[in-house]
Amino acid sequence: MSQAAEVTDSQWDKTVKQSEIPVFVDFWAEWCAPCRAMGPYVDKLADEYGEKIKVLKINTQDNPEVPAKYGITAIPTFLLIKGGEVVKQMVGSQSYDDLKKVVDANL
């Protein structure tokens, strides 16, 4: 079970855009091997940062509207959103240290 909560197209505005704290979002799909490989890093972020940020996952196969709205064409893609705006986007596999640097820079 992932530490990161799932978010859907219908929950996006309330859960992400209206969040009072920064939101780290993992765009992924079950069939994507690099996405599955990044899962433990995303879970570790959720564990480590607790209430400082929201760490969420959105399955792009089940929720096509949000990825289309943000122009997500490759997965895994990670967005850091503050105040409803994207402040950082990373595409492809990342090291845990790189993910952490982005989060730390935006707390």
PDB file of N, CA and C in Angstrom:
ATOM      1  N   MET A   1       0.845  -1.197   0.000  1.00  0.00           N
ATOM      2  CA  MET A   1       0.000   0.000   0.000  1.00  0.00           C
ATOM      3  C   MET A   1       0.881   1.248   0.000  1.00  0.00           C
ATOM      4  N   SER A   2       0.603   2.136  -0.909  1.00  0.00           N
ATOM      5  CA  SER A   2       1.398   3.354  -1.039  1.00  0.00           C
ATOM      6  C   SER A   2       1.101   4.337   0.091  1.00  0.00           C
ATOM      7  N   GLN A   3       2.137   5.036   0.520  1.00  0.00           N
ATOM      8  CA  GLN A   3       1.976   6.095   1.510  1.00  0.00           C
ATOM      9  C   GLN A   3       1.351   7.328   0.863  1.00  0.00           C
ATOM     10  N   ALA A   4       1.562   7.474  -0.438  1.00  0.00           N
ATOM     11  CA  ALA A   4       1.005   8.605  -1.168  1.00  0.00           C
ATOM     12  C   ALA A   4      -0.460   8.323  -1.480  1.00  0.00           C
ATOM     13  N   ALA A   5      -1.307   9.311  -1.257  1.00  0.00           N
ATOM     14  CA  ALA A   5      -2.738   9.152  -1.516  1.00  0.00           C
ATOM     15  C   ALA A   5      -3.014   9.248  -3.018  1.00  0.00           C
ATOM     16  N   GLU A   6      -4.035   8.544  -3.454  1.00  0.00           N
ATOM     17  CA  GLU A   6      -4.475   8.642  -4.847  1.00  0.00           C
ATOM     18  C   GLU A   6      -5.382   9.859  -5.000  1.00  0.00           C
ATOM     19  N   VAL A   7      -5.275  10.518  -6.137  1.00  0.00           N
ATOM     20  CA  VAL A   7      -6.173  11.621  -6.457  1.00  0.00           C
ATOM     21  C   VAL A   7      -6.758  11.334  -7.839  1.00  0.00           C
ATOM     22  N   THR A   8      -7.991  11.763  -8.058  1.00  0.00           N
ATOM     23  CA  THR A   8      -8.663  11.531  -9.333  1.00  0.00           C
ATOM     24  C   THR A   8      -8.938  12.862 -10.031  1.00  0.00           C
ATOM     25  N   ASP A   9      -9.348  12.776 -11.297  1.00  0.00           N
ATOM     26  CA  ASP A   9      -9.722  13.980 -12.050  1.00  0.00           C
ATOM     27  C   ASP A   9     -10.748  14.813 -11.275  1.00  0.00           C
ATOM     28  N   SER A  10     -11.757  14.131 -10.713  1.00  0.00           N
ATOM     29  CA  SER A  10     -12.844  14.857 -10.055  1.00  0.00           C
ATOM     30  C   SER A  10     -12.415  15.488  -8.724  1.00  0.00           C
ATOM     31  N   GLN A  11     -11.349  14.984  -8.111  1.00  0.00           N
ATOM     32  CA  GLN A  11     -10.871  15.516  -6.831  1.00  0.00           C
ATOM     33  C   GLN A  11      -9.795  16.582  -7.005  1.00  0.00           C
ATOM     34  N   TRP A  12      -9.270  16.735  -8.216  1.00  0.00           N
ATOM     35  CA  TRP A  12      -8.076  17.546  -8.464  1.00  0.00           C
ATOM     36  C   TRP A  12      -8.175  18.979  -7.935  1.00  0.00           C
ATOM     37  N   ASP A  13      -9.218  19.704  -8.326  1.00  0.00           N
ATOM     38  CA  ASP A  13      -9.307  21.113  -7.934  1.00  0.00           C
ATOM     39  C   ASP A  13      -9.325  21.277  -6.420  1.00  0.00           C
ATOM     40  N   LYS A  14     -10.144  20.508  -5.748  1.00  0.00           N
ATOM     41  CA  LYS A  14     -10.267  20.634  -4.285  1.00  0.00           C
ATOM     42  C   LYS A  14      -8.997  20.155  -3.577  1.00  0.00           C
ATOM     43  N   THR A  15      -8.449  19.036  -4.005  1.00  0.00           N
ATOM     44  CA  THR A  15      -7.324  18.417  -3.311  1.00  0.00           C
ATOM     45  C   THR A  15      -5.986  19.071  -3.647  1.00  0.00           C
ATOM     46  N   VAL A  16      -5.812  19.484  -4.885  1.00  0.00           N
ATOM     47  CA  VAL A  16      -4.511  19.992  -5.331  1.00  0.00           C
ATOM     48  C   VAL A  16      -4.511  21.507  -5.498  1.00  0.00           C
ATOM     49  N   LYS A  17      -5.378  22.010  -6.356  1.00  0.00           N
ATOM     50  CA  LYS A  17      -5.344  23.443  -6.673  1.00  0.00           C
ATOM     51  C   LYS A  17      -5.700  24.326  -5.479  1.00  0.00           C
ATOM     52  N   GLN A  18      -6.549  23.828  -4.579  1.00  0.00           N
ATOM     53  CA  GLN A  18      -6.965  24.623  -3.422  1.00  0.00           C
ATOM     54  C   GLN A  18      -6.178  24.276  -2.153  1.00  0.00           C
ATOM     55  N   SER A  19      -5.117  23.491  -2.287  1.00  0.00           N
ATOM     56  CA  SER A  19      -4.343  23.084  -1.122  1.00  0.00           C
ATOM     57  C   SER A  19      -3.610  24.272  -0.500  1.00  0.00           C
ATOM     58  N   GLU A  20      -3.605  24.295   0.815  1.00  0.00           N
ATOM     59  CA  GLU A  20      -2.906  25.347   1.570  1.00  0.00           C
ATOM     60  C   GLU A  20      -1.400  25.085   1.624  1.00  0.00           C
ATOM     61  N   ILE A  21      -1.011  23.832   1.412  1.00  0.00           N
ATOM     62  CA  ILE A  21       0.404  23.463   1.458  1.00  0.00           C
ATOM     63  C   ILE A  21       0.851  22.966   0.080  1.00  0.00           C
ATOM     64  N   PRO A  22       2.169  22.957  -0.187  1.00  0.00           N
ATOM     65  CA  PRO A  22       2.639  22.450  -1.489  1.00  0.00           C
ATOM     66  C   PRO A  22       2.189  21.007  -1.722  1.00  0.00           C
ATOM     67  N   VAL A  23       2.003  20.669  -3.006  1.00  0.00           N
ATOM     68  CA  VAL A  23       1.552  19.326  -3.384  1.00  0.00           C
ATOM     69  C   VAL A  23       2.543  18.745  -4.387  1.00  0.00           C
ATOM     70  N   PHE A  24       3.031  17.549  -4.083  1.00  0.00           N
ATOM     71  CA  PHE A  24       3.914  16.802  -4.979  1.00  0.00           C
ATOM     72  C   PHE A  24       3.060  15.718  -5.617  1.00  0.00           C
ATOM     73  N   VAL A  25       2.971  15.723  -6.954  1.00  0.00           N
ATOM     74  CA  VAL A  25       2.094  14.774  -7.643  1.00  0.00           C
ATOM     75  C   VAL A  25       2.907  13.879  -8.571  1.00  0.00           C
ATOM     76  N   ASP A  26       2.671  12.585  -8.447  1.00  0.00           N
ATOM     77  CA  ASP A  26       3.289  11.568  -9.289  1.00  0.00           C
ATOM     78  C   ASP A  26       2.245  11.128 -10.322  1.00  0.00           C
ATOM     79  N   PHE A  27       2.512  11.420 -11.601  1.00  0.00           N
ATOM     80  CA  PHE A  27       1.658  10.950 -12.696  1.00  0.00           C
ATOM     81  C   PHE A  27       2.224   9.602 -13.128  1.00  0.00           C
ATOM     82  N   TRP A  28       1.406   8.558 -13.031  1.00  0.00           N
ATOM     83  CA  TRP A  28       1.896   7.205 -13.264  1.00  0.00           C
ATOM     84  C   TRP A  28       0.810   6.331 -13.883  1.00  0.00           C
ATOM     85  N   ALA A  29       1.179   5.100 -14.239  1.00  0.00           N
ATOM     86  CA  ALA A  29       0.222   4.080 -14.688  1.00  0.00           C
ATOM     87  C   ALA A  29       0.767   2.714 -14.263  1.00  0.00           C
ATOM     88  N   GLU A  30      -0.133   1.791 -14.030  1.00  0.00           N
ATOM     89  CA  GLU A  30       0.227   0.453 -13.555  1.00  0.00           C
ATOM     90  C   GLU A  30       1.186  -0.262 -14.512  1.00  0.00           C
ATOM     91  N   TRP A  31       1.017  -0.087 -15.810  1.00  0.00           N
ATOM     92  CA  TRP A  31       1.815  -0.794 -16.811  1.00  0.00           C
ATOM     93  C   TRP A  31       3.211  -0.192 -17.002  1.00  0.00           C
ATOM     94  N   CYS A  32       3.489   0.938 -16.390  1.00  0.00           N
ATOM     95  CA  CYS A  32       4.735   1.677 -16.589  1.00  0.00           C
ATOM     96  C   CYS A  32       5.805   1.211 -15.599  1.00  0.00           C
ATOM     97  N   ALA A  33       6.808   0.469 -16.084  1.00  0.00           N
ATOM     98  CA  ALA A  33       7.863  -0.053 -15.206  1.00  0.00           C
ATOM     99  C   ALA A  33       8.653   1.062 -14.500  1.00  0.00           C
ATOM    100  N   PRO A  34       9.068   2.131 -15.199  1.00  0.00           N
ATOM    101  CA  PRO A  34       9.775   3.208 -14.483  1.00  0.00           C
ATOM    102  C   PRO A  34       8.893   3.854 -13.403  1.00  0.00           C
ATOM    103  N   CYS A  35       7.589   3.930 -13.650  1.00  0.00           N
ATOM    104  CA  CYS A  35       6.666   4.477 -12.647  1.00  0.00           C
ATOM    105  C   CYS A  35       6.673   3.610 -11.395  1.00  0.00           C
ATOM    106  N   ARG A  36       6.583   2.307 -11.592  1.00  0.00           N
ATOM    107  CA  ARG A  36       6.595   1.382 -10.459  1.00  0.00           C
ATOM    108  C   ARG A  36       7.922   1.472  -9.716  1.00  0.00           C
ATOM    109  N   ALA A  37       9.014   1.644 -10.448  1.00  0.00           N
ATOM    110  CA  ALA A  37      10.334   1.757  -9.827  1.00  0.00           C
ATOM    111  C   ALA A  37      10.443   3.020  -8.968  1.00  0.00           C
ATOM    112  N   MET A  38       9.743   4.084  -9.351  1.00  0.00           N
ATOM    113  CA  MET A  38       9.782   5.342  -8.595  1.00  0.00           C
ATOM    114  C   MET A  38       8.868   5.308  -7.375  1.00  0.00           C
ATOM    115  N   GLY A  39       7.953   4.355  -7.305  1.00  0.00           N
ATOM    116  CA  GLY A  39       6.990   4.261  -6.212  1.00  0.00           C
ATOM    117  C   GLY A  39       7.600   4.336  -4.814  1.00  0.00           C
ATOM    118  N   PRO A  40       8.668   3.562  -4.536  1.00  0.00           N
ATOM    119  CA  PRO A  40       9.259   3.638  -3.192  1.00  0.00           C
ATOM    120  C   PRO A  40       9.796   5.029  -2.842  1.00  0.00           C
ATOM    121  N   TYR A  41      10.320   5.755  -3.825  1.00  0.00           N
ATOM    122  CA  TYR A  41      10.806   7.117  -3.580  1.00  0.00           C
ATOM    123  C   TYR A  41       9.643   8.052  -3.236  1.00  0.00           C
ATOM    124  N   VAL A  42       8.544   7.894  -3.960  1.00  0.00           N
ATOM    125  CA  VAL A  42       7.366   8.726  -3.707  1.00  0.00           C
ATOM    126  C   VAL A  42       6.823   8.420  -2.310  1.00  0.00           C
ATOM    127  N   ASP A  43       6.780   7.144  -1.955  1.00  0.00           N
ATOM    128  CA  ASP A  43       6.329   6.758  -0.614  1.00  0.00           C
ATOM    129  C   ASP A  43       7.253   7.325   0.459  1.00  0.00           C
ATOM    130  N   LYS A  44       8.554   7.293   0.195  1.00  0.00           N
ATOM    131  CA  LYS A  44       9.532   7.815   1.158  1.00  0.00           C
ATOM    132  C   LYS A  44       9.341   9.320   1.365  1.00  0.00           C
ATOM    133  N   LEU A  45       9.047  10.048   0.278  1.00  0.00           N
ATOM    134  CA  LEU A  45       8.748  11.486   0.409  1.00  0.00           C
ATOM    135  C   LEU A  45       7.537  11.691   1.317  1.00  0.00           C
ATOM    136  N   ALA A  46       6.497  10.898   1.094  1.00  0.00           N
ATOM    137  CA  ALA A  46       5.273  11.015   1.897  1.00  0.00           C
ATOM    138  C   ALA A  46       5.583  10.753   3.374  1.00  0.00           C
ATOM    139  N   ASP A  47       6.400   9.745   3.643  1.00  0.00           N
ATOM    140  CA  ASP A  47       6.787   9.429   5.021  1.00  0.00           C
ATOM    141  C   ASP A  47       7.618  10.549   5.632  1.00  0.00           C
ATOM    142  N   GLU A  48       8.607  10.998   4.900  1.00  0.00           N
ATOM    143  CA  GLU A  48       9.571  11.952   5.431  1.00  0.00           C
ATOM    144  C   GLU A  48       9.001  13.350   5.661  1.00  0.00           C
ATOM    145  N   TYR A  49       8.102  13.788   4.775  1.00  0.00           N
ATOM    146  CA  TYR A  49       7.615  15.162   4.866  1.00  0.00           C
ATOM    147  C   TYR A  49       6.275  15.293   5.570  1.00  0.00           C
ATOM    148  N   GLY A  50       5.618  14.168   5.815  1.00  0.00           N
ATOM    149  CA  GLY A  50       4.392  14.168   6.611  1.00  0.00           C
ATOM    150  C   GLY A  50       3.411  15.267   6.273  1.00  0.00           C
ATOM    151  N   GLU A  51       3.200  16.181   7.198  1.00  0.00           N
ATOM    152  CA  GLU A  51       2.195  17.234   7.046  1.00  0.00           C
ATOM    153  C   GLU A  51       2.716  18.481   6.335  1.00  0.00           C
ATOM    154  N   LYS A  52       4.008  18.512   5.991  1.00  0.00           N
ATOM    155  CA  LYS A  52       4.586  19.702   5.346  1.00  0.00           C
ATOM    156  C   LYS A  52       4.139  19.847   3.897  1.00  0.00           C
ATOM    157  N   ILE A  53       3.947  18.705   3.235  1.00  0.00           N
ATOM    158  CA  ILE A  53       3.475  18.691   1.843  1.00  0.00           C
ATOM    159  C   ILE A  53       2.470  17.557   1.689  1.00  0.00           C
ATOM    160  N   LYS A  54       1.645  17.667   0.643  1.00  0.00           N
ATOM    161  CA  LYS A  54       0.798  16.537   0.259  1.00  0.00           C
ATOM    162  C   LYS A  54       1.559  15.789  -0.825  1.00  0.00           C
ATOM    163  N   VAL A  55       1.636  14.482  -0.699  1.00  0.00           N
ATOM    164  CA  VAL A  55       2.245  13.647  -1.736  1.00  0.00           C
ATOM    165  C   VAL A  55       1.121  12.787  -2.305  1.00  0.00           C
ATOM    166  N   LEU A  56       0.844  12.999  -3.590  1.00  0.00           N
ATOM    167  CA  LEU A  56      -0.284  12.338  -4.248  1.00  0.00           C
ATOM    168  C   LEU A  56       0.162  11.616  -5.507  1.00  0.00           C
ATOM    169  N   LYS A  57      -0.627  10.635  -5.913  1.00  0.00           N
ATOM    170  CA  LYS A  57      -0.407   9.912  -7.166  1.00  0.00           C
ATOM    171  C   LYS A  57      -1.691  10.005  -7.982  1.00  0.00           C
ATOM    172  N   ILE A  58      -1.527  10.175  -9.290  1.00  0.00           N
ATOM    173  CA  ILE A  58      -2.693  10.135 -10.175  1.00  0.00           C
ATOM    174  C   ILE A  58      -2.408   9.140 -11.292  1.00  0.00           C
ATOM    175  N   ASN A  59      -3.292   8.158 -11.418  1.00  0.00           N
ATOM    176  CA  ASN A  59      -3.165   7.139 -12.455  1.00  0.00           C
ATOM    177  C   ASN A  59      -3.652   7.749 -13.769  1.00  0.00           C
ATOM    178  N   THR A  60      -2.726   7.930 -14.708  1.00  0.00           N
ATOM    179  CA  THR A  60      -3.049   8.616 -15.963  1.00  0.00           C
ATOM    180  C   THR A  60      -3.982   7.803 -16.856  1.00  0.00           C
ATOM    181  N   GLN A  61      -3.973   6.502 -16.689  1.00  0.00           N
ATOM    182  CA  GLN A  61      -4.855   5.657 -17.496  1.00  0.00           C
ATOM    183  C   GLN A  61      -6.305   5.788 -17.051  1.00  0.00           C
ATOM    184  N   ASP A  62      -6.513   5.884 -15.734  1.00  0.00           N
ATOM    185  CA  ASP A  62      -7.860   5.979 -15.185  1.00  0.00           C
ATOM    186  C   ASP A  62      -8.375   7.420 -15.122  1.00  0.00           C
ATOM    187  N   ASN A  63      -7.467   8.379 -15.179  1.00  0.00           N
ATOM    188  CA  ASN A  63      -7.810   9.801 -15.027  1.00  0.00           C
ATOM    189  C   ASN A  63      -7.128  10.618 -16.131  1.00  0.00           C
ATOM    190  N   PRO A  64      -7.693  10.633 -17.337  1.00  0.00           N
ATOM    191  CA  PRO A  64      -7.031  11.294 -18.462  1.00  0.00           C
ATOM    192  C   PRO A  64      -7.175  12.819 -18.513  1.00  0.00           C
ATOM    193  N   GLU A  65      -8.149  13.393 -17.805  1.00  0.00           N
ATOM    194  CA  GLU A  65      -8.408  14.836 -17.931  1.00  0.00           C
ATOM    195  C   GLU A  65      -7.278  15.696 -17.388  1.00  0.00           C
ATOM    196  N   VAL A  66      -6.826  15.423 -16.171  1.00  0.00           N
ATOM    197  CA  VAL A  66      -5.779  16.249 -15.549  1.00  0.00           C
ATOM    198  C   VAL A  66      -4.464  16.151 -16.332  1.00  0.00           C
ATOM    199  N   PRO A  67      -3.994  14.949 -16.694  1.00  0.00           N
ATOM    200  CA  PRO A  67      -2.765  14.897 -17.486  1.00  0.00           C
ATOM    201  C   PRO A  67      -2.880  15.685 -18.805  1.00  0.00           C
ATOM    202  N   ALA A  68      -4.029  15.617 -19.448  1.00  0.00           N
ATOM    203  CA  ALA A  68      -4.227  16.365 -20.694  1.00  0.00           C
ATOM    204  C   ALA A  68      -4.164  17.871 -20.437  1.00  0.00           C
ATOM    205  N   LYS A  69      -4.778  18.316 -19.340  1.00  0.00           N
ATOM    206  CA  LYS A  69      -4.795  19.735 -18.986  1.00  0.00           C
ATOM    207  C   LYS A  69      -3.381  20.276 -18.750  1.00  0.00           C
ATOM    208  N   TYR A  70      -2.503  19.430 -18.196  1.00  0.00           N
ATOM    209  CA  TYR A  70      -1.135  19.854 -17.867  1.00  0.00           C
ATOM    210  C   TYR A  70      -0.119  19.465 -18.942  1.00  0.00           C
ATOM    211  N   GLY A  71      -0.598  18.887 -20.045  1.00  0.00           N
ATOM    212  CA  GLY A  71       0.293  18.526 -21.137  1.00  0.00           C
ATOM    213  C   GLY A  71       1.240  17.389 -20.809  1.00  0.00           C
ATOM    214  N   ILE A  72       0.793  16.479 -19.941  1.00  0.00           N
ATOM    215  CA  ILE A  72       1.631  15.336 -19.565  1.00  0.00           C
ATOM    216  C   ILE A  72       1.580  14.321 -20.701  1.00  0.00           C
ATOM    217  N   THR A  73       2.728  14.105 -21.349  1.00  0.00           N
ATOM    218  CA  THR A  73       2.782  13.169 -22.471  1.00  0.00           C
ATOM    219  C   THR A  73       3.693  11.983 -22.206  1.00  0.00           C
ATOM    220  N   ALA A  74       4.443  12.029 -21.108  1.00  0.00           N
ATOM    221  CA  ALA A  74       5.329  10.928 -20.746  1.00  0.00           C
ATOM    222  C   ALA A  74       5.203  10.690 -19.241  1.00  0.00           C
ATOM    223  N   ILE A  75       5.344   9.425 -18.859  1.00  0.00           N
ATOM    224  CA  ILE A  75       5.315   9.100 -17.433  1.00  0.00           C
ATOM    225  C   ILE A  75       6.514   8.229 -17.112  1.00  0.00           C
ATOM    226  N   PRO A  76       7.020   8.298 -15.893  1.00  0.00           N
ATOM    227  CA  PRO A  76       6.512   9.125 -14.809  1.00  0.00           C
ATOM    228  C   PRO A  76       6.831  10.611 -15.024  1.00  0.00           C
ATOM    229  N   THR A  77       5.890  11.435 -14.605  1.00  0.00           N
ATOM    230  CA  THR A  77       6.095  12.885 -14.531  1.00  0.00           C
ATOM    231  C   THR A  77       5.724  13.302 -13.119  1.00  0.00           C
ATOM    232  N   PHE A  78       6.511  14.210 -12.583  1.00  0.00           N
ATOM    233  CA  PHE A  78       6.280  14.715 -11.232  1.00  0.00           C
ATOM    234  C   PHE A  78       6.064  16.221 -11.303  1.00  0.00           C
ATOM    235  N   LEU A  79       5.005  16.697 -10.660  1.00  0.00           N
ATOM    236  CA  LEU A  79       4.746  18.133 -10.567  1.00  0.00           C
ATOM    237  C   LEU A  79       4.787  18.544  -9.107  1.00  0.00           C
ATOM    238  N   LEU A  80       5.375  19.715  -8.865  1.00  0.00           N
ATOM    239  CA  LEU A  80       5.272  20.335  -7.553  1.00  0.00           C
ATOM    240  C   LEU A  80       4.411  21.564  -7.744  1.00  0.00           C
ATOM    241  N   ILE A  81       3.313  21.608  -7.003  1.00  0.00           N
ATOM    242  CA  ILE A  81       2.309  22.663  -7.161  1.00  0.00           C
ATOM    243  C   ILE A  81       2.188  23.433  -5.859  1.00  0.00           C
ATOM    244  N   LYS A  82       2.310  24.755  -5.970  1.00  0.00           N
ATOM    245  CA  LYS A  82       2.160  25.644  -4.809  1.00  0.00           C
ATOM    246  C   LYS A  82       1.153  26.713  -5.175  1.00  0.00           C
ATOM    247  N   GLY A  83       0.190  26.939  -4.299  1.00  0.00           N
ATOM    248  CA  GLY A  83      -0.807  27.964  -4.568  1.00  0.00           C
ATOM    249  C   GLY A  83      -1.570  27.726  -5.856  1.00  0.00           C
ATOM    250  N   GLY A  84      -1.746  26.460  -6.211  1.00  0.00           N
ATOM    251  CA  GLY A  84      -2.498  26.104  -7.411  1.00  0.00           C
ATOM    252  C   GLY A  84      -1.698  26.193  -8.707  1.00  0.00           C
ATOM    253  N   GLU A  85      -0.419  26.585  -8.623  1.00  0.00           N
ATOM    254  CA  GLU A  85       0.419  26.748  -9.824  1.00  0.00           C
ATOM    255  C   GLU A  85       1.586  25.764  -9.809  1.00  0.00           C
ATOM    256  N   VAL A  86       1.932  25.262 -10.996  1.00  0.00           N
ATOM    257  CA  VAL A  86       3.083  24.368 -11.124  1.00  0.00           C
ATOM    258  C   VAL A  86       4.357  25.192 -10.950  1.00  0.00           C
ATOM    259  N   VAL A  87       5.186  24.801  -9.978  1.00  0.00           N
ATOM    260  CA  VAL A  87       6.461  25.486  -9.771  1.00  0.00           C
ATOM    261  C   VAL A  87       7.639  24.648 -10.262  1.00  0.00           C
ATOM    262  N   LYS A  88       7.423  23.349 -10.444  1.00  0.00           N
ATOM    263  CA  LYS A  88       8.486  22.484 -10.955  1.00  0.00           C
ATOM    264  C   LYS A  88       7.875  21.258 -11.600  1.00  0.00           C
ATOM    265  N   GLN A  89       8.453  20.859 -12.749  1.00  0.00           N
ATOM    266  CA  GLN A  89       8.039  19.635 -13.428  1.00  0.00           C
ATOM    267  C   GLN A  89       9.285  18.819 -13.734  1.00  0.00           C
ATOM    268  N   MET A  90       9.224  17.530 -13.440  1.00  0.00           N
ATOM    269  CA  MET A  90      10.314  16.609 -13.739  1.00  0.00           C
ATOM    270  C   MET A  90       9.728  15.427 -14.498  1.00  0.00           C
ATOM    271  N   VAL A  91      10.402  15.017 -15.569  1.00  0.00           N
ATOM    272  CA  VAL A  91       9.921  13.912 -16.392  1.00  0.00           C
ATOM    273  C   VAL A  91      10.942  12.783 -16.355  1.00  0.00           C
ATOM    274  N   GLY A  92      10.441  11.561 -16.180  1.00  0.00           N
ATOM    275  CA  GLY A  92      11.313  10.392 -16.179  1.00  0.00           C
ATOM    276  C   GLY A  92      11.791  10.040 -14.782  1.00  0.00           C
ATOM    277  N   SER A  93      12.547   8.956 -14.723  1.00  0.00           N
ATOM    278  CA  SER A  93      13.075   8.491 -13.441  1.00  0.00           C
ATOM    279  C   SER A  93      14.019   9.537 -12.855  1.00  0.00           C
ATOM    280  N   GLN A  94      13.928   9.711 -11.543  1.00  0.00           N
ATOM    281  CA  GLN A  94      14.735  10.695 -10.821  1.00  0.00           C
ATOM    282  C   GLN A  94      15.378  10.005  -9.622  1.00  0.00           C
ATOM    283  N   SER A  95      16.476  10.556  -9.150  1.00  0.00           N
ATOM    284  CA  SER A  95      17.051  10.038  -7.908  1.00  0.00           C
ATOM    285  C   SER A  95      16.221  10.581  -6.747  1.00  0.00           C
ATOM    286  N   TYR A  96      16.275   9.891  -5.618  1.00  0.00           N
ATOM    287  CA  TYR A  96      15.548  10.381  -4.445  1.00  0.00           C
ATOM    288  C   TYR A  96      16.083  11.751  -4.037  1.00  0.00           C
ATOM    289  N   ASP A  97      17.398  11.925  -4.117  1.00  0.00           N
ATOM    290  CA  ASP A  97      18.006  13.211  -3.743  1.00  0.00           C
ATOM    291  C   ASP A  97      17.484  14.357  -4.609  1.00  0.00           C
ATOM    292  N   ASP A  98      17.292  14.100  -5.901  1.00  0.00           N
ATOM    293  CA  ASP A  98      16.762  15.147  -6.789  1.00  0.00           C
ATOM    294  C   ASP A  98      15.324  15.508  -6.414  1.00  0.00           C
ATOM    295  N   LEU A  99      14.516  14.504  -6.107  1.00  0.00           N
ATOM    296  CA  LEU A  99      13.129  14.774  -5.694  1.00  0.00           C
ATOM    297  C   LEU A  99      13.126  15.590  -4.405  1.00  0.00           C
ATOM    298  N   LYS A 100      13.962  15.201  -3.472  1.00  0.00           N
ATOM    299  CA  LYS A 100      14.046  15.854  -2.180  1.00  0.00           C
ATOM    300  C   LYS A 100      14.484  17.324  -2.319  1.00  0.00           C
ATOM    301  N   LYS A 101      15.455  17.577  -3.201  1.00  0.00           N
ATOM    302  CA  LYS A 101      15.934  18.943  -3.434  1.00  0.00           C
ATOM    303  C   LYS A 101      14.801  19.855  -3.912  1.00  0.00           C
ATOM    304  N   VAL A 102      13.983  19.329  -4.816  1.00  0.00           N
ATOM    305  CA  VAL A 102      12.862  20.118  -5.341  1.00  0.00           C
ATOM    306  C   VAL A 102      11.866  20.425  -4.235  1.00  0.00           C
ATOM    307  N   VAL A 103      11.563  19.419  -3.426  1.00  0.00           N
ATOM    308  CA  VAL A 103      10.623  19.635  -2.317  1.00  0.00           C
ATOM    309  C   VAL A 103      11.203  20.643  -1.316  1.00  0.00           C
ATOM    310  N   ASP A 104      12.449  20.433  -0.911  1.00  0.00           N
ATOM    311  CA  ASP A 104      13.082  21.331   0.068  1.00  0.00           C
ATOM    312  C   ASP A 104      13.106  22.777  -0.418  1.00  0.00           C
ATOM    313  N   ALA A 105      13.354  22.966  -1.702  1.00  0.00           N
ATOM    314  CA  ALA A 105      13.426  24.315  -2.259  1.00  0.00           C
ATOM    315  C   ALA A 105      12.080  25.016  -2.279  1.00  0.00           C
ATOM    316  N   ASN A 106      10.999  24.261  -2.108  1.00  0.00           N
ATOM    317  CA  ASN A 106       9.660  24.850  -2.218  1.00  0.00           C
ATOM    318  C   ASN A 106       8.841  24.758  -0.948  1.00  0.00           C
ATOM    319  N   LEU A 107       9.477  24.483   0.169  1.00  0.00           N
ATOM    320  CA  LEU A 107       8.749  24.446   1.439  1.00  0.00           C
ATOM    321  C   LEU A 107       8.642  25.846   2.013  1.00  0.00           C
TER     322      LEU A 107
END
